[in-house]
Amino acid sequence: MAASGMAFKLTYSDGQETDYDDSTKWEVENGVVKMGREAGKWTVFVSPSHWATLEIVAGKNKDNGEDRGGGDDKDEDEEKDDDEDNGKEQDEDEDS
């Protein structure tokens, strides 16, 4: 199965999810997910035991960074959460 130019979300077997944009080309062959910047020139190989699901998602338009599906940018929300978590760790350090 090949799907060049389509954004996708890869869920790894440990539950971690990673979103990839339209610029990442990918293909699944014999259960191995192959990824790279150019179709056929794969730079990352994920074995079947290391990934659980692959979902096609609305990709980002490279010209303006907006979500093609009209949804919110999940990455910005995740960065905000990380910043808040980092602030909590610093607060705890200041108290001791």
Protein backbone atom coordinates (compact mmCIF):
# COMPACT_ATOMS: atom_id res chain seq x y z
CA MET A 1 0.00 0.00 0.00
CA ALA A 2 1.52 3.33 -1.04
CA ALA A 3 0.14 6.74 -0.22
CA SER A 4 2.57 9.43 -1.20
CA GLY A 5 1.55 12.96 -0.35
CA MET A 6 -1.04 12.08 2.28
CA ALA A 7 -0.73 13.18 5.91
CA PHE A 8 -1.05 10.39 8.45
CA LYS A 9 -0.89 9.49 12.12
CA LEU A 10 1.24 6.54 13.17
CA THR A 11 0.45 4.91 16.51
CA TYR A 12 3.33 2.87 17.86
CA SER A 13 2.88 -0.37 19.82
CA ASP A 14 3.72 1.47 23.08
CA GLY A 15 0.77 3.85 22.50
CA GLN A 16 2.81 6.87 21.34
CA GLU A 17 1.19 8.72 18.43
CA THR A 18 3.06 10.80 15.87
CA ASP A 19 1.50 12.98 13.17
CA TYR A 20 3.27 13.28 9.82
CA ASP A 21 2.48 15.98 7.26
CA ASP A 22 1.91 15.76 3.52
CA SER A 23 5.62 16.09 2.78
CA THR A 24 6.38 12.68 4.31
CA LYS A 25 6.00 9.93 1.74
CA TRP A 26 5.18 6.49 3.04
CA GLU A 27 4.43 2.95 2.05
CA VAL A 28 3.54 -0.26 3.87
CA GLU A 29 5.12 -3.41 2.50
CA ASN A 30 4.81 -6.77 4.26
CA GLY A 31 3.86 -4.95 7.45
CA VAL A 32 6.89 -2.64 7.39
CA VAL A 33 6.12 1.10 7.33
CA LYS A 34 8.63 2.85 5.08
CA MET A 35 8.94 6.65 5.30
CA GLY A 36 11.00 9.34 3.63
CA ARG A 37 10.94 12.71 1.89
CA GLU A 38 10.90 11.05 -1.54
CA ALA A 39 8.85 8.01 -2.55
CA GLY A 40 11.14 5.04 -3.09
CA LYS A 41 14.04 6.68 -1.19
CA TRP A 42 13.08 5.50 2.29
CA THR A 43 15.02 6.75 5.29
CA VAL A 44 12.92 5.26 8.12
CA PHE A 45 11.66 1.70 8.45
CA VAL A 46 9.27 0.70 11.25
CA SER A 47 8.89 -3.04 11.83
CA PRO A 48 5.44 -4.58 12.29
CA SER A 49 6.13 -5.24 15.98
CA HIS A 50 6.78 -1.54 16.64
CA TRP A 51 3.63 0.04 15.21
CA ALA A 52 -0.06 -0.60 15.85
CA THR A 53 -2.14 1.63 13.54
CA LEU A 54 -1.71 4.06 10.67
CA GLU A 55 -4.51 6.57 10.05
CA ILE A 56 -4.92 8.94 7.12
CA VAL A 57 -5.57 12.45 8.48
CA ALA A 58 -6.30 15.90 7.06
CA GLY A 59 -2.93 17.30 6.08
CA LYS A 60 -1.52 20.76 6.51
CA ASN A 61 -1.28 23.14 3.62
CA LYS A 62 2.43 23.96 3.38
CA ASP A 63 1.73 27.46 2.00
CA ASN A 64 0.04 28.86 5.09
CA GLY A 65 0.36 26.15 7.76
CA GLU A 66 -3.42 25.81 8.11
CA ASP A 67 -5.10 22.50 8.65
CA ARG A 68 -6.80 21.35 5.44
CA GLY A 69 -9.58 19.78 7.45
CA GLY A 70 -10.43 23.11 9.07
CA GLY A 71 -9.57 21.79 12.55
CA ASP A 72 -7.36 23.21 15.25
CA ASP A 73 -3.63 22.66 15.15
CA LYS A 74 -3.03 19.84 17.64
CA ASP A 75 0.73 20.47 17.74
CA GLU A 76 0.24 23.95 19.22
CA ASP A 77 -1.97 22.52 21.96
CA GLU A 78 0.62 19.86 22.77
CA GLU A 79 3.38 22.50 22.98
CA LYS A 80 1.23 24.56 25.35
CA ASP A 81 0.67 21.49 27.54
CA ASP A 82 4.42 20.80 27.59
CA ASP A 83 5.11 24.41 28.61
CA GLU A 84 2.60 24.14 31.44
CA ASP A 85 4.16 20.87 32.62
CA ASN A 86 7.63 22.43 32.56
CA GLY A 87 6.37 25.29 34.70
CA LYS A 88 5.07 22.83 37.31
CA GLU A 89 8.47 21.15 37.54
CA GLN A 90 10.14 24.51 38.06
CA ASP A 91 7.65 25.50 40.76
CA GLU A 92 8.34 22.29 42.66
CA ASP A 93 12.08 22.93 42.47
CA GLU A 94 11.69 26.45 43.83
CA ASP A 95 9.79 25.19 46.90
CA SER A 96 12.58 22.89 48.05
